[in-house]
Amino acid sequence: MELSEKKTAEMFKALCDENRIKIIKLLQNGEKCACRLNEEIDVTQPTMSHHMKVLCDSGLVVGRKEGKWMHYSISREGAKTALELLSELTKVKIDSNDSCC
């Protein structure tokens, strides 16, 4: 899997905040309305909107509009991509020709 450094950083930036981790944990039990997430996470509505934008832009979370409410869920494809990226980034590639000395 080959993603740009920018897209890779975007993916992992989404996981670098306690509240976004809490949101993802809440979404593990299935789709949640934004109002339900806002009740569970003690932040203002604009802050919640920011967190959801970061999560959606990363591809880890998807949203769908139903009436005036947004419903969010974990993206299976986004989760798969995150796992593949982490695996690729942490793979040790040993090449004796790359030695600095």
PDB file of N, CA and C in Angstrom:
ATOM      1  N   MET A   1       0.850  -1.176   0.000  1.00  0.00           N
ATOM      2  CA  MET A   1       0.000   0.000   0.000  1.00  0.00           C
ATOM      3  C   MET A   1       0.891   1.232   0.000  1.00  0.00           C
ATOM      4  N   GLU A   2       0.576   2.153  -0.862  1.00  0.00           N
ATOM      5  CA  GLU A   2       1.382   3.363  -0.992  1.00  0.00           C
ATOM      6  C   GLU A   2       0.494   4.590  -0.889  1.00  0.00           C
ATOM      7  N   LEU A   3       0.569   5.292   0.231  1.00  0.00           N
ATOM      8  CA  LEU A   3      -0.145   6.545   0.402  1.00  0.00           C
ATOM      9  C   LEU A   3       0.882   7.640   0.641  1.00  0.00           C
ATOM     10  N   SER A   4       0.543   8.837   0.237  1.00  0.00           N
ATOM     11  CA  SER A   4       1.470   9.951   0.432  1.00  0.00           C
ATOM     12  C   SER A   4       1.702  10.171   1.925  1.00  0.00           C
ATOM     13  N   GLU A   5       2.815  10.816   2.224  1.00  0.00           N
ATOM     14  CA  GLU A   5       3.117  11.128   3.621  1.00  0.00           C
ATOM     15  C   GLU A   5       2.030  12.030   4.204  1.00  0.00           C
ATOM     16  N   LYS A   6       1.497  12.935   3.383  1.00  0.00           N
ATOM     17  CA  LYS A   6       0.453  13.843   3.858  1.00  0.00           C
ATOM     18  C   LYS A   6      -0.801  13.070   4.260  1.00  0.00           C
ATOM     19  N   LYS A   7      -1.246  12.144   3.410  1.00  0.00           N
ATOM     20  CA  LYS A   7      -2.451  11.359   3.705  1.00  0.00           C
ATOM     21  C   LYS A   7      -2.204  10.443   4.907  1.00  0.00           C
ATOM     22  N   THR A   8      -1.001   9.893   4.995  1.00  0.00           N
ATOM     23  CA  THR A   8      -0.652   9.034   6.130  1.00  0.00           C
ATOM     24  C   THR A   8      -0.693   9.838   7.430  1.00  0.00           C
ATOM     25  N   ALA A   9      -0.120  11.044   7.417  1.00  0.00           N
ATOM     26  CA  ALA A   9      -0.133  11.894   8.608  1.00  0.00           C
ATOM     27  C   ALA A   9      -1.559  12.265   8.990  1.00  0.00           C
ATOM     28  N   GLU A  10      -2.401  12.532   7.989  1.00  0.00           N
ATOM     29  CA  GLU A  10      -3.807  12.861   8.243  1.00  0.00           C
ATOM     30  C   GLU A  10      -4.520  11.705   8.958  1.00  0.00           C
ATOM     31  N   MET A  11      -4.232  10.503   8.505  1.00  0.00           N
ATOM     32  CA  MET A  11      -4.844   9.310   9.090  1.00  0.00           C
ATOM     33  C   MET A  11      -4.467   9.187  10.563  1.00  0.00           C
ATOM     34  N   PHE A  12      -3.185   9.343  10.859  1.00  0.00           N
ATOM     35  CA  PHE A  12      -2.743   9.153  12.236  1.00  0.00           C
ATOM     36  C   PHE A  12      -2.996  10.373  13.113  1.00  0.00           C
ATOM     37  N   LYS A  13      -3.108  11.554  12.522  1.00  0.00           N
ATOM     38  CA  LYS A  13      -3.479  12.755  13.284  1.00  0.00           C
ATOM     39  C   LYS A  13      -4.845  12.548  13.931  1.00  0.00           C
ATOM     40  N   ALA A  14      -5.707  11.858  13.224  1.00  0.00           N
ATOM     41  CA  ALA A  14      -7.057  11.609  13.746  1.00  0.00           C
ATOM     42  C   ALA A  14      -7.014  10.800  15.036  1.00  0.00           C
ATOM     43  N   LEU A  15      -5.955  10.054  15.240  1.00  0.00           N
ATOM     44  CA  LEU A  15      -5.847   9.208  16.434  1.00  0.00           C
ATOM     45  C   LEU A  15      -5.026   9.849  17.547  1.00  0.00           C
ATOM     46  N   CYS A  16      -4.637  11.105  17.369  1.00  0.00           N
ATOM     47  CA  CYS A  16      -3.748  11.775  18.327  1.00  0.00           C
ATOM     48  C   CYS A  16      -4.481  12.727  19.263  1.00  0.00           C
ATOM     49  N   ASP A  17      -5.705  12.417  19.585  1.00  0.00           N
ATOM     50  CA  ASP A  17      -6.466  13.258  20.500  1.00  0.00           C
ATOM     51  C   ASP A  17      -7.347  12.358  21.361  1.00  0.00           C
ATOM     52  N   GLU A  18      -7.350  12.609  22.659  1.00  0.00           N
ATOM     53  CA  GLU A  18      -8.129  11.782  23.593  1.00  0.00           C
ATOM     54  C   GLU A  18      -9.612  11.742  23.231  1.00  0.00           C
ATOM     55  N   ASN A  19     -10.168  12.892  22.885  1.00  0.00           N
ATOM     56  CA  ASN A  19     -11.593  12.920  22.570  1.00  0.00           C
ATOM     57  C   ASN A  19     -11.912  12.144  21.293  1.00  0.00           C
ATOM     58  N   ARG A  20     -11.033  12.198  20.310  1.00  0.00           N
ATOM     59  CA  ARG A  20     -11.276  11.434  19.083  1.00  0.00           C
ATOM     60  C   ARG A  20     -11.162   9.935  19.355  1.00  0.00           C
ATOM     61  N   ILE A  21     -10.267   9.564  20.247  1.00  0.00           N
ATOM     62  CA  ILE A  21     -10.172   8.149  20.650  1.00  0.00           C
ATOM     63  C   ILE A  21     -11.475   7.738  21.336  1.00  0.00           C
ATOM     64  N   LYS A  22     -11.999   8.589  22.224  1.00  0.00           N
ATOM     65  CA  LYS A  22     -13.274   8.291  22.891  1.00  0.00           C
ATOM     66  C   LYS A  22     -14.399   8.137  21.868  1.00  0.00           C
ATOM     67  N   ILE A  23     -14.415   9.011  20.879  1.00  0.00           N
ATOM     68  CA  ILE A  23     -15.448   8.945  19.837  1.00  0.00           C
ATOM     69  C   ILE A  23     -15.357   7.627  19.090  1.00  0.00           C
ATOM     70  N   ILE A  24     -14.160   7.236  18.707  1.00  0.00           N
ATOM     71  CA  ILE A  24     -13.992   5.969  17.984  1.00  0.00           C
ATOM     72  C   ILE A  24     -14.441   4.805  18.864  1.00  0.00           C
ATOM     73  N   LYS A  25     -14.115   4.842  20.147  1.00  0.00           N
ATOM     74  CA  LYS A  25     -14.562   3.780  21.060  1.00  0.00           C
ATOM     75  C   LYS A  25     -16.083   3.723  21.127  1.00  0.00           C
ATOM     76  N   LEU A  26     -16.734   4.887  21.159  1.00  0.00           N
ATOM     77  CA  LEU A  26     -18.203   4.916  21.164  1.00  0.00           C
ATOM     78  C   LEU A  26     -18.767   4.335  19.872  1.00  0.00           C
ATOM     79  N   LEU A  27     -18.085   4.563  18.768  1.00  0.00           N
ATOM     80  CA  LEU A  27     -18.566   4.075  17.477  1.00  0.00           C
ATOM     81  C   LEU A  27     -18.310   2.577  17.281  1.00  0.00           C
ATOM     82  N   GLN A  28     -17.518   1.978  18.156  1.00  0.00           N
ATOM     83  CA  GLN A  28     -17.274   0.535  18.057  1.00  0.00           C
ATOM     84  C   GLN A  28     -18.564  -0.262  18.226  1.00  0.00           C
ATOM     85  N   ASN A  29     -19.528   0.317  18.926  1.00  0.00           N
ATOM     86  CA  ASN A  29     -20.807  -0.362  19.143  1.00  0.00           C
ATOM     87  C   ASN A  29     -21.817  -0.061  18.049  1.00  0.00           C
ATOM     88  N   GLY A  30     -21.374   0.575  16.973  1.00  0.00           N
ATOM     89  CA  GLY A  30     -22.255   0.864  15.855  1.00  0.00           C
ATOM     90  C   GLY A  30     -22.478   2.347  15.648  1.00  0.00           C
ATOM     91  N   GLU A  31     -23.258   2.647  14.648  1.00  0.00           N
ATOM     92  CA  GLU A  31     -23.537   4.022  14.244  1.00  0.00           C
ATOM     93  C   GLU A  31     -24.153   4.831  15.390  1.00  0.00           C
ATOM     94  N   LYS A  32     -23.719   6.093  15.493  1.00  0.00           N
ATOM     95  CA  LYS A  32     -24.243   6.985  16.527  1.00  0.00           C
ATOM     96  C   LYS A  32     -24.591   8.331  15.901  1.00  0.00           C
ATOM     97  N   CYS A  33     -25.670   8.915  16.387  1.00  0.00           N
ATOM     98  CA  CYS A  33     -26.077  10.250  15.994  1.00  0.00           C
ATOM     99  C   CYS A  33     -25.114  11.260  16.641  1.00  0.00           C
ATOM    100  N   ALA A  34     -24.878  12.363  15.954  1.00  0.00           N
ATOM    101  CA  ALA A  34     -23.994  13.395  16.489  1.00  0.00           C
ATOM    102  C   ALA A  34     -24.477  13.878  17.856  1.00  0.00           C
ATOM    103  N   CYS A  35     -25.785  13.956  18.034  1.00  0.00           N
ATOM    104  CA  CYS A  35     -26.316  14.419  19.322  1.00  0.00           C
ATOM    105  C   CYS A  35     -25.936  13.446  20.440  1.00  0.00           C
ATOM    106  N   ARG A  36     -25.940  12.150  20.151  1.00  0.00           N
ATOM    107  CA  ARG A  36     -25.557  11.136  21.154  1.00  0.00           C
ATOM    108  C   ARG A  36     -24.067  11.251  21.486  1.00  0.00           C
ATOM    109  N   LEU A  37     -23.245  11.447  20.468  1.00  0.00           N
ATOM    110  CA  LEU A  37     -21.805  11.607  20.700  1.00  0.00           C
ATOM    111  C   LEU A  37     -21.535  12.850  21.541  1.00  0.00           C
ATOM    112  N   ASN A  38     -22.269  13.911  21.246  1.00  0.00           N
ATOM    113  CA  ASN A  38     -22.093  15.162  21.987  1.00  0.00           C
ATOM    114  C   ASN A  38     -22.473  14.996  23.453  1.00  0.00           C
ATOM    115  N   GLU A  39     -23.460  14.164  23.748  1.00  0.00           N
ATOM    116  CA  GLU A  39     -23.847  13.884  25.136  1.00  0.00           C
ATOM    117  C   GLU A  39     -22.748  13.124  25.881  1.00  0.00           C
ATOM    118  N   GLU A  40     -22.071  12.248  25.163  1.00  0.00           N
ATOM    119  CA  GLU A  40     -21.063  11.377  25.779  1.00  0.00           C
ATOM    120  C   GLU A  40     -19.705  12.053  25.956  1.00  0.00           C
ATOM    121  N   ILE A  41     -19.379  12.974  25.064  1.00  0.00           N
ATOM    122  CA  ILE A  41     -18.079  13.645  25.103  1.00  0.00           C
ATOM    123  C   ILE A  41     -18.318  15.075  25.580  1.00  0.00           C
ATOM    124  N   ASP A  42     -17.639  15.460  26.634  1.00  0.00           N
ATOM    125  CA  ASP A  42     -17.867  16.767  27.254  1.00  0.00           C
ATOM    126  C   ASP A  42     -17.097  17.871  26.520  1.00  0.00           C
ATOM    127  N   VAL A  43     -17.591  18.229  25.323  1.00  0.00           N
ATOM    128  CA  VAL A  43     -17.016  19.331  24.556  1.00  0.00           C
ATOM    129  C   VAL A  43     -18.162  20.156  23.960  1.00  0.00           C
ATOM    130  N   THR A  44     -17.837  21.338  23.503  1.00  0.00           N
ATOM    131  CA  THR A  44     -18.858  22.171  22.875  1.00  0.00           C
ATOM    132  C   THR A  44     -19.216  21.597  21.505  1.00  0.00           C
ATOM    133  N   GLN A  45     -20.345  22.010  20.969  1.00  0.00           N
ATOM    134  CA  GLN A  45     -20.779  21.523  19.660  1.00  0.00           C
ATOM    135  C   GLN A  45     -19.769  21.886  18.565  1.00  0.00           C
ATOM    136  N   PRO A  46     -19.222  23.118  18.544  1.00  0.00           N
ATOM    137  CA  PRO A  46     -18.217  23.425  17.514  1.00  0.00           C
ATOM    138  C   PRO A  46     -16.962  22.551  17.627  1.00  0.00           C
ATOM    139  N   THR A  47     -16.561  22.252  18.859  1.00  0.00           N
ATOM    140  CA  THR A  47     -15.397  21.382  19.060  1.00  0.00           C
ATOM    141  C   THR A  47     -15.702  19.970  18.569  1.00  0.00           C
ATOM    142  N   MET A  48     -16.913  19.486  18.860  1.00  0.00           N
ATOM    143  CA  MET A  48     -17.313  18.160  18.375  1.00  0.00           C
ATOM    144  C   MET A  48     -17.310  18.142  16.850  1.00  0.00           C
ATOM    145  N   SER A  49     -17.810  19.193  16.232  1.00  0.00           N
ATOM    146  CA  SER A  49     -17.817  19.274  14.764  1.00  0.00           C
ATOM    147  C   SER A  49     -16.394  19.199  14.213  1.00  0.00           C
ATOM    148  N   HIS A  50     -15.476  19.884  14.871  1.00  0.00           N
ATOM    149  CA  HIS A  50     -14.071  19.841  14.442  1.00  0.00           C
ATOM    150  C   HIS A  50     -13.530  18.413  14.530  1.00  0.00           C
ATOM    151  N   HIS A  51     -13.776  17.743  15.663  1.00  0.00           N
ATOM    152  CA  HIS A  51     -13.293  16.365  15.830  1.00  0.00           C
ATOM    153  C   HIS A  51     -13.880  15.448  14.744  1.00  0.00           C
ATOM    154  N   MET A  52     -15.163  15.623  14.457  1.00  0.00           N
ATOM    155  CA  MET A  52     -15.789  14.764  13.454  1.00  0.00           C
ATOM    156  C   MET A  52     -15.231  15.050  12.065  1.00  0.00           C
ATOM    157  N   LYS A  53     -14.907  16.299  11.783  1.00  0.00           N
ATOM    158  CA  LYS A  53     -14.306  16.648  10.491  1.00  0.00           C
ATOM    159  C   LYS A  53     -12.943  15.976  10.345  1.00  0.00           C
ATOM    160  N   VAL A  54     -12.139  16.041  11.397  1.00  0.00           N
ATOM    161  CA  VAL A  54     -10.815  15.412  11.358  1.00  0.00           C
ATOM    162  C   VAL A  54     -10.957  13.908  11.143  1.00  0.00           C
ATOM    163  N   LEU A  55     -11.870  13.278  11.882  1.00  0.00           N
ATOM    164  CA  LEU A  55     -12.073  11.826  11.754  1.00  0.00           C
ATOM    165  C   LEU A  55     -12.587  11.453  10.362  1.00  0.00           C
ATOM    166  N   CYS A  56     -13.513  12.231   9.836  1.00  0.00           N
ATOM    167  CA  CYS A  56     -14.062  11.940   8.506  1.00  0.00           C
ATOM    168  C   CYS A  56     -13.031  12.203   7.413  1.00  0.00           C
ATOM    169  N   ASP A  57     -12.279  13.307   7.533  1.00  0.00           N
ATOM    170  CA  ASP A  57     -11.246  13.615   6.539  1.00  0.00           C
ATOM    171  C   ASP A  57     -10.162  12.545   6.500  1.00  0.00           C
ATOM    172  N   SER A  58      -9.914  11.913   7.632  1.00  0.00           N
ATOM    173  CA  SER A  58      -8.894  10.864   7.694  1.00  0.00           C
ATOM    174  C   SER A  58      -9.358   9.592   7.002  1.00  0.00           C
ATOM    175  N   GLY A  59     -10.664   9.427   6.889  1.00  0.00           N
ATOM    176  CA  GLY A  59     -11.206   8.210   6.307  1.00  0.00           C
ATOM    177  C   GLY A  59     -11.567   7.154   7.337  1.00  0.00           C
ATOM    178  N   LEU A  60     -11.256   7.402   8.608  1.00  0.00           N
ATOM    179  CA  LEU A  60     -11.566   6.424   9.658  1.00  0.00           C
ATOM    180  C   LEU A  60     -13.045   6.374   9.993  1.00  0.00           C
ATOM    181  N   VAL A  61     -13.731   7.492   9.811  1.00  0.00           N
ATOM    182  CA  VAL A  61     -15.150   7.598  10.144  1.00  0.00           C
ATOM    183  C   VAL A  61     -15.907   8.121   8.934  1.00  0.00           C
ATOM    184  N   VAL A  62     -17.110   7.618   8.761  1.00  0.00           N
ATOM    185  CA  VAL A  62     -17.989   8.119   7.698  1.00  0.00           C
ATOM    186  C   VAL A  62     -19.257   8.665   8.344  1.00  0.00           C
ATOM    187  N   GLY A  63     -19.827   9.658   7.692  1.00  0.00           N
ATOM    188  CA  GLY A  63     -21.052  10.260   8.189  1.00  0.00           C
ATOM    189  C   GLY A  63     -22.137  10.208   7.133  1.00  0.00           C
ATOM    190  N   ARG A  64     -23.364  10.150   7.599  1.00  0.00           N
ATOM    191  CA  ARG A  64     -24.503  10.211   6.682  1.00  0.00           C
ATOM    192  C   ARG A  64     -25.559  11.099   7.322  1.00  0.00           C
ATOM    193  N   LYS A  65     -26.205  11.880   6.487  1.00  0.00           N
ATOM    194  CA  LYS A  65     -27.201  12.820   6.977  1.00  0.00           C
ATOM    195  C   LYS A  65     -28.578  12.178   6.904  1.00  0.00           C
ATOM    196  N   GLU A  66     -29.322  12.312   7.995  1.00  0.00           N
ATOM    197  CA  GLU A  66     -30.706  11.834   8.047  1.00  0.00           C
ATOM    198  C   GLU A  66     -31.537  12.970   8.627  1.00  0.00           C
ATOM    199  N   GLY A  67     -32.297  13.615   7.787  1.00  0.00           N
ATOM    200  CA  GLY A  67     -33.023  14.804   8.227  1.00  0.00           C
ATOM    201  C   GLY A  67     -32.033  15.890   8.577  1.00  0.00           C
ATOM    202  N   LYS A  68     -32.160  16.408   9.787  1.00  0.00           N
ATOM    203  CA  LYS A  68     -31.213  17.445  10.199  1.00  0.00           C
ATOM    204  C   LYS A  68     -30.041  16.891  11.009  1.00  0.00           C
ATOM    205  N   TRP A  69     -30.005  15.591  11.234  1.00  0.00           N
ATOM    206  CA  TRP A  69     -28.970  14.979  12.051  1.00  0.00           C
ATOM    207  C   TRP A  69     -27.932  14.248  11.223  1.00  0.00           C
ATOM    208  N   MET A  70     -26.705  14.249  11.737  1.00  0.00           N
ATOM    209  CA  MET A  70     -25.625  13.458  11.141  1.00  0.00           C
ATOM    210  C   MET A  70     -25.443  12.203  11.979  1.00  0.00           C
ATOM    211  N   HIS A  71     -25.240  11.103  11.307  1.00  0.00           N
ATOM    212  CA  HIS A  71     -24.969   9.818  11.956  1.00  0.00           C
ATOM    213  C   HIS A  71     -23.578   9.367  11.516  1.00  0.00           C
ATOM    214  N   TYR A  72     -22.791   8.892  12.470  1.00  0.00           N
ATOM    215  CA  TYR A  72     -21.409   8.530  12.194  1.00  0.00           C
ATOM    216  C   TYR A  72     -21.159   7.073  12.524  1.00  0.00           C
ATOM    217  N   SER A  73     -20.227   6.483  11.770  1.00  0.00           N
ATOM    218  CA  SER A  73     -19.810   5.105  12.033  1.00  0.00           C
ATOM    219  C   SER A  73     -18.357   4.945  11.593  1.00  0.00           C
ATOM    220  N   ILE A  74     -17.735   3.907  12.108  1.00  0.00           N
ATOM    221  CA  ILE A  74     -16.360   3.585  11.713  1.00  0.00           C
ATOM    222  C   ILE A  74     -16.397   3.053  10.284  1.00  0.00           C
ATOM    223  N   SER A  75     -15.491   3.545   9.477  1.00  0.00           N
ATOM    224  CA  SER A  75     -15.359   3.061   8.103  1.00  0.00           C
ATOM    225  C   SER A  75     -14.511   1.796   8.106  1.00  0.00           C
ATOM    226  N   ARG A  76     -15.071   0.708   7.638  1.00  0.00           N
ATOM    227  CA  ARG A  76     -14.300  -0.542   7.575  1.00  0.00           C
ATOM    228  C   ARG A  76     -13.087  -0.379   6.667  1.00  0.00           C
ATOM    229  N   GLU A  77     -13.285   0.312   5.555  1.00  0.00           N
ATOM    230  CA  GLU A  77     -12.187   0.541   4.610  1.00  0.00           C
ATOM    231  C   GLU A  77     -11.110   1.427   5.244  1.00  0.00           C
ATOM    232  N   GLY A  78     -11.539   2.465   5.963  1.00  0.00           N
ATOM    233  CA  GLY A  78     -10.586   3.350   6.634  1.00  0.00           C
ATOM    234  C   GLY A  78      -9.808   2.632   7.711  1.00  0.00           C
ATOM    235  N   ALA A  79     -10.479   1.781   8.472  1.00  0.00           N
ATOM    236  CA  ALA A  79      -9.805   1.009   9.524  1.00  0.00           C
ATOM    237  C   ALA A  79      -8.790   0.052   8.908  1.00  0.00           C
ATOM    238  N   LYS A  80      -9.173  -0.562   7.807  1.00  0.00           N
ATOM    239  CA  LYS A  80      -8.260  -1.482   7.107  1.00  0.00           C
ATOM    240  C   LYS A  80      -7.040  -0.721   6.599  1.00  0.00           C
ATOM    241  N   THR A  81      -7.262   0.452   6.041  1.00  0.00           N
ATOM    242  CA  THR A  81      -6.157   1.274   5.539  1.00  0.00           C
ATOM    243  C   THR A  81      -5.208   1.662   6.667  1.00  0.00           C
ATOM    244  N   ALA A  82      -5.752   2.067   7.820  1.00  0.00           N
ATOM    245  CA  ALA A  82      -4.922   2.454   8.963  1.00  0.00           C
ATOM    246  C   ALA A  82      -4.044   1.289   9.420  1.00  0.00           C
ATOM    247  N   LEU A  83      -4.626   0.099   9.487  1.00  0.00           N
ATOM    248  CA  LEU A  83      -3.845  -1.081   9.887  1.00  0.00           C
ATOM    249  C   LEU A  83      -2.733  -1.384   8.884  1.00  0.00           C
ATOM    250  N   GLU A  84      -3.059  -1.294   7.601  1.00  0.00           N
ATOM    251  CA  GLU A  84      -2.060  -1.550   6.563  1.00  0.00           C
ATOM    252  C   GLU A  84      -0.947  -0.511   6.594  1.00  0.00           C
ATOM    253  N   LEU A  85      -1.306   0.751   6.801  1.00  0.00           N
ATOM    254  CA  LEU A  85      -0.299   1.810   6.881  1.00  0.00           C
ATOM    255  C   LEU A  85       0.630   1.599   8.068  1.00  0.00           C
ATOM    256  N   LEU A  86       0.053   1.290   9.231  1.00  0.00           N
ATOM    257  CA  LEU A  86       0.878   1.055  10.415  1.00  0.00           C
ATOM    258  C   LEU A  86       1.817  -0.115  10.185  1.00  0.00           C
ATOM    259  N   SER A  87       1.324  -1.167   9.598  1.00  0.00           N
ATOM    260  CA  SER A  87       2.148  -2.330   9.306  1.00  0.00           C
ATOM    261  C   SER A  87       3.282  -1.967   8.345  1.00  0.00           C
ATOM    262  N   GLU A  88       2.975  -1.209   7.313  1.00  0.00           N
ATOM    263  CA  GLU A  88       3.975  -0.817   6.322  1.00  0.00           C
ATOM    264  C   GLU A  88       5.016   0.126   6.933  1.00  0.00           C
ATOM    265  N   LEU A  89       4.562   1.069   7.751  1.00  0.00           N
ATOM    266  CA  LEU A  89       5.475   2.042   8.353  1.00  0.00           C
ATOM    267  C   LEU A  89       6.419   1.422   9.369  1.00  0.00           C
ATOM    268  N   THR A  90       5.993   0.359  10.013  1.00  0.00           N
ATOM    269  CA  THR A  90       6.816  -0.244  11.068  1.00  0.00           C
ATOM    270  C   THR A  90       7.581  -1.476  10.590  1.00  0.00           C
ATOM    271  N   LYS A  91       7.482  -1.757   9.300  1.00  0.00           N
ATOM    272  CA  LYS A  91       8.213  -2.890   8.735  1.00  0.00           C
ATOM    273  C   LYS A  91       9.698  -2.548   8.684  1.00  0.00           C
ATOM    274  N   VAL A  92      10.526  -3.424   9.218  1.00  0.00           N
ATOM    275  CA  VAL A  92      11.975  -3.221   9.189  1.00  0.00           C
ATOM    276  C   VAL A  92      12.505  -3.787   7.877  1.00  0.00           C
ATOM    277  N   LYS A  93      13.181  -2.919   7.136  1.00  0.00           N
ATOM    278  CA  LYS A  93      13.760  -3.319   5.840  1.00  0.00           C
ATOM    279  C   LYS A  93      15.271  -3.270   5.986  1.00  0.00           C
ATOM    280  N   ILE A  94      15.875  -4.428   6.056  1.00  0.00           N
ATOM    281  CA  ILE A  94      17.321  -4.508   6.255  1.00  0.00           C
ATOM    282  C   ILE A  94      17.991  -4.728   4.905  1.00  0.00           C
ATOM    283  N   ASP A  95      18.895  -3.804   4.589  1.00  0.00           N
ATOM    284  CA  ASP A  95      19.666  -3.897   3.359  1.00  0.00           C
ATOM    285  C   ASP A  95      21.091  -3.534   3.719  1.00  0.00           C
ATOM    286  N   SER A  96      22.006  -4.468   3.549  1.00  0.00           N
ATOM    287  CA  SER A  96      23.397  -4.231   3.964  1.00  0.00           C
ATOM    288  C   SER A  96      24.046  -3.104   3.181  1.00  0.00           C
ATOM    289  N   ASN A  97      23.524  -2.726   2.039  1.00  0.00           N
ATOM    290  CA  ASN A  97      24.084  -1.631   1.242  1.00  0.00           C
ATOM    291  C   ASN A  97      23.701  -0.273   1.771  1.00  0.00           C
ATOM    292  N   ASP A  98      22.774  -0.205   2.711  1.00  0.00           N
ATOM    293  CA  ASP A  98      22.311   1.073   3.249  1.00  0.00           C
ATOM    294  C   ASP A  98      23.097   1.520   4.481  1.00  0.00           C
ATOM    295  N   SER A  99      24.114   0.801   4.852  1.00  0.00           N
ATOM    296  CA  SER A  99      24.873   1.137   6.045  1.00  0.00           C
ATOM    297  C   SER A  99      25.575   2.485   5.863  1.00  0.00           C
ATOM    298  N   CYS A 100      25.596   3.259   6.922  1.00  0.00           N
ATOM    299  CA  CYS A 100      26.236   4.575   6.847  1.00  0.00           C
ATOM    300  C   CYS A 100      27.745   4.479   7.073  1.00  0.00           C
ATOM    301  N   CYS A 101      28.221   3.382   7.547  1.00  0.00           N
ATOM    302  CA  CYS A 101      29.656   3.247   7.849  1.00  0.00           C
ATOM    303  C   CYS A 101      30.311   2.188   7.008  1.00  0.00           C
TER     304      CYS A 101
END
